C-alpha atoms as a PDB file:
ATOM      1  CA  UNK A   1     -25.518 -52.085   4.183  1.00  0.00           C
ATOM      2  CA  UNK A   2     -22.603 -49.708   3.921  1.00  0.00           C
ATOM      3  CA  UNK A   3     -22.372 -46.682   1.652  1.00  0.00           C
ATOM      4  CA  UNK A   4     -18.877 -46.062   0.333  1.00  0.00           C
ATOM      5  CA  UNK A   5     -18.281 -42.506  -0.880  1.00  0.00           C
ATOM      6  CA  UNK A   6     -15.078 -42.515  -2.913  1.00  0.00           C
ATOM      7  CA  UNK A   7     -13.752 -39.139  -3.999  1.00  0.00           C
ATOM      8  CA  UNK A   8     -10.970 -39.464  -6.574  1.00  0.00           C
ATOM      9  CA  UNK A   9     -11.030 -35.822  -7.617  1.00  0.00           C
ATOM     10  CA  UNK A  10      -8.278 -34.453  -5.365  1.00  0.00           C
ATOM     11  CA  UNK A  11      -5.630 -36.604  -7.061  1.00  0.00           C
ATOM     12  CA  UNK A  12      -6.680 -35.160 -10.404  1.00  0.00           C
ATOM     13  CA  UNK A  13      -6.614 -31.525  -9.282  1.00  0.00           C
ATOM     14  CA  UNK A  14      -3.260 -31.889  -7.550  1.00  0.00           C
ATOM     15  CA  UNK A  15      -1.526 -33.429 -10.545  1.00  0.00           C
ATOM     16  CA  UNK A  16      -3.385 -31.516 -13.248  1.00  0.00           C
ATOM     17  CA  UNK A  17      -2.199 -28.184 -11.849  1.00  0.00           C
ATOM     18  CA  UNK A  18       1.375 -28.940 -12.950  1.00  0.00           C
ATOM     19  CA  UNK A  19       0.333 -30.152 -16.394  1.00  0.00           C
ATOM     20  CA  UNK A  20      -1.923 -27.159 -17.010  1.00  0.00           C
ATOM     21  CA  UNK A  21       1.028 -24.779 -16.781  1.00  0.00           C
ATOM     22  CA  UNK A  22       2.823 -26.426 -19.678  1.00  0.00           C
ATOM     23  CA  UNK A  23       0.531 -28.461 -21.931  1.00  0.00           C
ATOM     24  CA  UNK A  24      -2.765 -27.459 -23.472  1.00  0.00           C
ATOM     25  CA  UNK A  25      -3.245 -29.948 -26.291  1.00  0.00           C
ATOM     26  CA  UNK A  26      -6.148 -32.414 -25.902  1.00  0.00           C
ATOM     27  CA  UNK A  27      -3.804 -35.299 -26.712  1.00  0.00           C
ATOM     28  CA  UNK A  28      -1.525 -34.255 -23.812  1.00  0.00           C
ATOM     29  CA  UNK A  29      -4.525 -34.041 -21.483  1.00  0.00           C
ATOM     30  CA  UNK A  30      -5.711 -37.486 -22.595  1.00  0.00           C
ATOM     31  CA  UNK A  31      -2.249 -38.898 -21.895  1.00  0.00           C
ATOM     32  CA  UNK A  32      -2.219 -37.265 -18.461  1.00  0.00           C
ATOM     33  CA  UNK A  33      -5.749 -38.436 -17.617  1.00  0.00           C
ATOM     34  CA  UNK A  34      -4.983 -41.997 -18.700  1.00  0.00           C
ATOM     35  CA  UNK A  35      -1.456 -42.519 -17.399  1.00  0.00           C
ATOM     36  CA  UNK A  36      -1.171 -40.131 -14.471  1.00  0.00           C
ATOM     37  CA  UNK A  37      -4.692 -40.068 -13.074  1.00  0.00           C
ATOM     38  CA  UNK A  38      -7.255 -42.758 -13.814  1.00  0.00           C
ATOM     39  CA  UNK A  39      -4.747 -45.638 -13.769  1.00  0.00           C
ATOM     40  CA  UNK A  40      -3.645 -44.482 -10.322  1.00  0.00           C
ATOM     41  CA  UNK A  41      -7.189 -44.419  -8.933  1.00  0.00           C
ATOM     42  CA  UNK A  42      -8.628 -47.815  -9.786  1.00  0.00           C
ATOM     43  CA  UNK A  43      -8.231 -49.688 -13.069  1.00  0.00           C
ATOM     44  CA  UNK A  44     -11.782 -50.962 -12.685  1.00  0.00           C
ATOM     45  CA  UNK A  45     -13.020 -47.404 -13.254  1.00  0.00           C
ATOM     46  CA  UNK A  46     -11.068 -47.216 -16.501  1.00  0.00           C
ATOM     47  CA  UNK A  47     -12.623 -50.521 -17.551  1.00  0.00           C
ATOM     48  CA  UNK A  48     -16.148 -49.198 -16.889  1.00  0.00           C
ATOM     49  CA  UNK A  49     -15.454 -46.052 -18.925  1.00  0.00           C
ATOM     50  CA  UNK A  50     -13.855 -47.910 -21.837  1.00  0.00           C
ATOM     51  CA  UNK A  51     -16.724 -50.425 -21.948  1.00  0.00           C
ATOM     52  CA  UNK A  52     -19.217 -47.540 -22.089  1.00  0.00           C
ATOM     53  CA  UNK A  53     -17.555 -46.301 -25.267  1.00  0.00           C
ATOM     54  CA  UNK A  54     -17.026 -49.764 -26.718  1.00  0.00           C
ATOM     55  CA  UNK A  55     -20.806 -50.267 -26.754  1.00  0.00           C
ATOM     56  CA  UNK A  56     -20.950 -47.385 -29.251  1.00  0.00           C
ATOM     57  CA  UNK A  57     -17.909 -48.623 -31.192  1.00  0.00           C
ATOM     58  CA  UNK A  58     -15.774 -45.771 -29.877  1.00  0.00           C
ATOM     59  CA  UNK A  59     -12.561 -45.388 -27.895  1.00  0.00           C
ATOM     60  CA  UNK A  60     -11.101 -42.633 -25.737  1.00  0.00           C
ATOM     61  CA  UNK A  61      -9.526 -41.194 -28.882  1.00  0.00           C
ATOM     62  CA  UNK A  62     -12.901 -40.564 -30.500  1.00  0.00           C
ATOM     63  CA  UNK A  63     -15.562 -38.443 -28.763  1.00  0.00           C
ATOM     64  CA  UNK A  64     -13.604 -37.701 -25.538  1.00  0.00           C
ATOM     65  CA  UNK A  65     -10.556 -36.399 -27.383  1.00  0.00           C
ATOM     66  CA  UNK A  66     -12.697 -33.981 -29.393  1.00  0.00           C
ATOM     67  CA  UNK A  67     -15.479 -33.024 -26.961  1.00  0.00           C
ATOM     68  CA  UNK A  68     -14.285 -33.705 -23.398  1.00  0.00           C
ATOM     69  CA  UNK A  69     -10.560 -33.247 -22.799  1.00  0.00           C
ATOM     70  CA  UNK A  70     -10.307 -29.871 -24.622  1.00  0.00           C
ATOM     71  CA  UNK A  71     -12.481 -28.308 -21.883  1.00  0.00           C
ATOM     72  CA  UNK A  72     -10.600 -29.561 -18.816  1.00  0.00           C
ATOM     73  CA  UNK A  73      -8.547 -26.383 -18.426  1.00  0.00           C
ATOM     74  CA  UNK A  74     -11.557 -24.123 -18.841  1.00  0.00           C
ATOM     75  CA  UNK A  75     -13.728 -26.148 -16.459  1.00  0.00           C
ATOM     76  CA  UNK A  76     -11.250 -26.929 -13.649  1.00  0.00           C
ATOM     77  CA  UNK A  77     -12.711 -24.482 -11.117  1.00  0.00           C
ATOM     78  CA  UNK A  78     -16.254 -25.649 -11.853  1.00  0.00           C
ATOM     79  CA  UNK A  79     -15.141 -29.255 -11.342  1.00  0.00           C
ATOM     80  CA  UNK A  80     -13.595 -28.314  -7.987  1.00  0.00           C
ATOM     81  CA  UNK A  81     -16.805 -26.618  -6.871  1.00  0.00           C
ATOM     82  CA  UNK A  82     -18.823 -29.601  -8.054  1.00  0.00           C
ATOM     83  CA  UNK A  83     -16.650 -31.982  -6.046  1.00  0.00           C
ATOM     84  CA  UNK A  84     -17.028 -29.905  -2.878  1.00  0.00           C
ATOM     85  CA  UNK A  85     -20.788 -29.688  -3.260  1.00  0.00           C
ATOM     86  CA  UNK A  86     -21.171 -33.374  -4.058  1.00  0.00           C
ATOM     87  CA  UNK A  87     -19.243 -34.389  -0.959  1.00  0.00           C
ATOM     88  CA  UNK A  88     -21.518 -32.250   1.194  1.00  0.00           C
ATOM     89  CA  UNK A  89     -24.747 -33.422  -0.459  1.00  0.00           C
ATOM     90  CA  UNK A  90     -23.847 -37.119  -0.275  1.00  0.00           C
ATOM     91  CA  UNK A  91     -22.913 -36.777   3.389  1.00  0.00           C
ATOM     92  CA  UNK A  92     -26.157 -34.945   4.165  1.00  0.00           C
ATOM     93  CA  UNK A  93     -28.233 -37.567   2.350  1.00  0.00           C
ATOM     94  CA  UNK A  94     -26.462 -40.655   3.699  1.00  0.00           C
ATOM     95  CA  UNK A  95     -29.264 -41.692   6.067  1.00  0.00           C
ATOM     96  CA  UNK A  96     -31.885 -41.024   3.418  1.00  0.00           C
ATOM     97  CA  UNK A  97     -29.966 -43.100   0.879  1.00  0.00           C
ATOM     98  CA  UNK A  98     -29.942 -45.986   3.376  1.00  0.00           C
ATOM     99  CA  UNK A  99     -33.707 -45.753   3.761  1.00  0.00           C
ATOM    100  CA  UNK A 100     -34.453 -45.340   0.063  1.00  0.00           C
ATOM    101  CA  UNK A 101     -32.318 -48.183  -1.241  1.00  0.00           C
ATOM    102  CA  UNK A 102     -32.933 -50.668   1.552  1.00  0.00           C
ATOM    103  CA  UNK A 103     -30.014 -52.654   0.204  1.00  0.00           C
ATOM    104  CA  UNK A 104     -28.407 -55.437   2.176  1.00  0.00           C
ATOM    105  CA  UNK A 105     -25.109 -55.166   0.311  1.00  0.00           C
ATOM    106  CA  UNK A 106     -22.793 -52.229  -0.208  1.00  0.00           C
ATOM    107  CA  UNK A 107     -23.299 -49.231  -2.474  1.00  0.00           C
ATOM    108  CA  UNK A 108     -20.474 -47.204  -4.008  1.00  0.00           C
ATOM    109  CA  UNK A 109     -20.872 -43.490  -4.765  1.00  0.00           C
ATOM    110  CA  UNK A 110     -17.808 -42.424  -6.734  1.00  0.00           C
ATOM    111  CA  UNK A 111     -16.738 -38.865  -7.545  1.00  0.00           C
ATOM    112  CA  UNK A 112     -14.189 -38.636 -10.335  1.00  0.00           C
ATOM    113  CA  UNK A 113     -13.038 -36.689 -13.340  1.00  0.00           C
ATOM    114  CA  UNK A 114     -14.120 -39.045 -16.083  1.00  0.00           C
ATOM    115  CA  UNK A 115     -14.075 -39.066 -19.856  1.00  0.00           C
ATOM    116  CA  UNK A 116     -17.549 -37.883 -20.765  1.00  0.00           C
ATOM    117  CA  UNK A 117     -19.682 -40.927 -19.962  1.00  0.00           C
ATOM    118  CA  UNK A 118     -22.190 -38.871 -17.989  1.00  0.00           C
ATOM    119  CA  UNK A 119     -22.772 -36.501 -15.089  1.00  0.00           C
ATOM    120  CA  UNK A 120     -24.164 -39.588 -13.393  1.00  0.00           C
ATOM    121  CA  UNK A 121     -23.645 -43.170 -14.473  1.00  0.00           C
ATOM    122  CA  UNK A 122     -25.201 -46.166 -12.698  1.00  0.00           C
ATOM    123  CA  UNK A 123     -23.113 -49.302 -12.969  1.00  0.00           C
ATOM    124  CA  UNK A 124     -21.607 -52.135 -10.918  1.00  0.00           C
ATOM    125  CA  UNK A 125     -18.364 -51.666  -9.004  1.00  0.00           C
ATOM    126  CA  UNK A 126     -16.665 -54.379  -6.976  1.00  0.00           C
ATOM    127  CA  UNK A 127     -19.769 -56.509  -7.496  1.00  0.00           C
ATOM    128  CA  UNK A 128     -22.038 -53.879  -5.932  1.00  0.00           C
ATOM    129  CA  UNK A 129     -24.410 -51.214  -7.298  1.00  0.00           C
ATOM    130  CA  UNK A 130     -22.633 -47.916  -7.907  1.00  0.00           C
ATOM    131  CA  UNK A 131     -23.045 -44.397  -9.213  1.00  0.00           C
ATOM    132  CA  UNK A 132     -20.157 -42.642 -10.939  1.00  0.00           C
ATOM    133  CA  UNK A 133     -20.447 -38.857 -10.760  1.00  0.00           C
ATOM    134  CA  UNK A 134     -18.457 -37.399 -13.654  1.00  0.00           C
ATOM    135  CA  UNK A 135     -17.215 -33.928 -12.736  1.00  0.00           C
ATOM    136  CA  UNK A 136     -16.209 -33.192 -16.331  1.00  0.00           C
ATOM    137  CA  UNK A 137     -19.823 -33.509 -17.500  1.00  0.00           C
ATOM    138  CA  UNK A 138     -21.217 -31.788 -14.411  1.00  0.00           C
ATOM    139  CA  UNK A 139     -18.988 -28.762 -15.042  1.00  0.00           C
ATOM    140  CA  UNK A 140     -19.656 -28.619 -18.785  1.00  0.00           C
ATOM    141  CA  UNK A 141     -23.417 -28.690 -18.183  1.00  0.00           C
ATOM    142  CA  UNK A 142     -23.212 -26.000 -15.513  1.00  0.00           C
ATOM    143  CA  UNK A 143     -24.580 -28.319 -12.822  1.00  0.00           C
ATOM    144  CA  UNK A 144     -21.734 -27.758 -10.340  1.00  0.00           C
ATOM    145  CA  UNK A 145     -23.789 -25.760  -7.795  1.00  0.00           C
ATOM    146  CA  UNK A 146     -26.002 -27.282  -5.119  1.00  0.00           C
ATOM    147  CA  UNK A 147     -29.191 -26.155  -6.886  1.00  0.00           C
ATOM    148  CA  UNK A 148     -28.438 -28.491  -9.776  1.00  0.00           C
ATOM    149  CA  UNK A 149     -26.470 -31.214  -8.025  1.00  0.00           C
ATOM    150  CA  UNK A 150     -29.053 -32.259  -5.459  1.00  0.00           C
ATOM    151  CA  UNK A 151     -31.684 -33.047  -8.133  1.00  0.00           C
ATOM    152  CA  UNK A 152     -28.983 -34.911 -10.082  1.00  0.00           C
ATOM    153  CA  UNK A 153     -28.201 -37.047  -7.024  1.00  0.00           C
ATOM    154  CA  UNK A 154     -31.888 -37.925  -6.585  1.00  0.00           C
ATOM    155  CA  UNK A 155     -32.170 -38.670 -10.314  1.00  0.00           C
ATOM    156  CA  UNK A 156     -29.242 -41.073 -10.179  1.00  0.00           C
ATOM    157  CA  UNK A 157     -30.618 -42.684  -7.026  1.00  0.00           C
ATOM    158  CA  UNK A 158     -33.778 -43.351  -9.028  1.00  0.00           C
ATOM    159  CA  UNK A 159     -31.665 -45.095 -11.661  1.00  0.00           C
ATOM    160  CA  UNK A 160     -29.762 -46.985  -8.960  1.00  0.00           C
ATOM    161  CA  UNK A 161     -32.885 -48.294  -7.237  1.00  0.00           C
ATOM    162  CA  UNK A 162     -34.375 -49.279 -10.605  1.00  0.00           C
ATOM    163  CA  UNK A 163     -31.101 -51.048 -11.454  1.00  0.00           C
ATOM    164  CA  UNK A 164     -31.137 -52.919  -8.131  1.00  0.00           C
ATOM    165  CA  UNK A 165     -34.757 -54.008  -8.517  1.00  0.00           C
ATOM    166  CA  UNK A 166     -34.080 -55.353 -12.007  1.00  0.00           C
ATOM    167  CA  UNK A 167     -30.947 -57.142 -10.833  1.00  0.00           C
ATOM    168  CA  UNK A 168     -32.747 -58.742  -7.887  1.00  0.00           C
ATOM    169  CA  UNK A 169     -35.517 -59.884 -10.255  1.00  0.00           C
ATOM    170  CA  UNK A 170     -32.988 -61.468 -12.628  1.00  0.00           C
ATOM    171  CA  UNK A 171     -33.843 -59.053 -15.458  1.00  0.00           C
ATOM    172  CA  UNK A 172     -31.450 -57.554 -17.976  1.00  0.00           C
ATOM    173  CA  UNK A 173     -29.584 -54.559 -16.623  1.00  0.00           C
ATOM    174  CA  UNK A 174     -29.053 -52.969 -20.029  1.00  0.00           C
ATOM    175  CA  UNK A 175     -31.912 -51.930 -22.262  1.00  0.00           C
ATOM    176  CA  UNK A 176     -31.706 -52.657 -25.966  1.00  0.00           C
ATOM    177  CA  UNK A 177     -34.360 -50.401 -27.483  1.00  0.00           C
ATOM    178  CA  UNK A 178     -34.817 -46.644 -27.572  1.00  0.00           C
ATOM    179  CA  UNK A 179     -38.218 -46.698 -25.878  1.00  0.00           C
ATOM    180  CA  UNK A 180     -36.763 -48.820 -23.069  1.00  0.00           C
ATOM    181  CA  UNK A 181     -34.260 -46.049 -22.394  1.00  0.00           C
ATOM    182  CA  UNK A 182     -37.061 -43.486 -22.440  1.00  0.00           C
ATOM    183  CA  UNK A 183     -38.917 -45.557 -19.854  1.00  0.00           C
ATOM    184  CA  UNK A 184     -35.793 -45.822 -17.684  1.00  0.00           C
ATOM    185  CA  UNK A 185     -35.211 -42.067 -17.820  1.00  0.00           C
ATOM    186  CA  UNK A 186     -38.859 -41.414 -17.030  1.00  0.00           C
ATOM    187  CA  UNK A 187     -38.675 -43.542 -13.883  1.00  0.00           C
ATOM    188  CA  UNK A 188     -35.552 -41.722 -12.678  1.00  0.00           C
ATOM    189  CA  UNK A 189     -36.999 -38.309 -13.523  1.00  0.00           C
ATOM    190  CA  UNK A 190     -40.212 -39.021 -11.639  1.00  0.00           C
ATOM    191  CA  UNK A 191     -38.206 -40.227  -8.656  1.00  0.00           C
ATOM    192  CA  UNK A 192     -36.213 -36.987  -8.716  1.00  0.00           C
ATOM    193  CA  UNK A 193     -39.346 -34.837  -8.976  1.00  0.00           C
ATOM    194  CA  UNK A 194     -41.042 -36.617  -6.079  1.00  0.00           C
ATOM    195  CA  UNK A 195     -38.207 -35.665  -3.722  1.00  0.00           C
ATOM    196  CA  UNK A 196     -37.360 -32.194  -4.993  1.00  0.00           C
ATOM    197  CA  UNK A 197     -40.933 -31.009  -5.519  1.00  0.00           C
ATOM    198  CA  UNK A 198     -39.845 -29.584  -8.870  1.00  0.00           C
ATOM    199  CA  UNK A 199     -41.597 -30.808 -11.996  1.00  0.00           C
ATOM    200  CA  UNK A 200     -39.013 -29.326 -14.348  1.00  0.00           C
ATOM    201  CA  UNK A 201     -36.698 -31.509 -16.419  1.00  0.00           C
ATOM    202  CA  UNK A 202     -33.238 -31.479 -14.832  1.00  0.00           C
ATOM    203  CA  UNK A 203     -31.536 -32.137 -18.169  1.00  0.00           C
ATOM    204  CA  UNK A 204     -32.452 -28.641 -19.350  1.00  0.00           C
ATOM    205  CA  UNK A 205     -28.997 -27.067 -19.124  1.00  0.00           C
ATOM    206  CA  UNK A 206     -30.388 -23.582 -18.609  1.00  0.00           C
ATOM    207  CA  UNK A 207     -32.022 -24.772 -15.378  1.00  0.00           C
END
């Protein structure tokens, strides 16, 4: 098994700096994110994000335009700090991730500035299990420091392992009912708590 850590954040920060000096409208930021960032990282990431919204009958011009892109300027420094901390945490936990997942195939851990689909999002990438870490959500929630990010990483690993077990068993990877989602979150939360020794609920934004 090989763990691929893909950090696409530097491209965003480098190009966004020039835009931020001149354009502040959410529609301009959406255009930049779509045409000058995400399409130059990997179009498969854009497909994952768009499909996440399509499930809820939305597009990038709905929720993200109103509730995500308007905060990019305000949250840039938090996103940068989150990216630095995530890189360090994922490197420190690489051996542990190998042991916990026990996967024979590859795993992709992807750091990016997304469009509001989650601080962590378990999915499939290049035919392999993957976690997308969305810096835009991490910053908005105030989870950009190590104290919040390490529990988030364990939480998403719980989701990832659950996802892999269901896939290997030939079960559906997407739940259809509300209580199924509650069960899935409970499994991930318990996994997180067992490794952090903290019984609090990481989704409480006040920590």
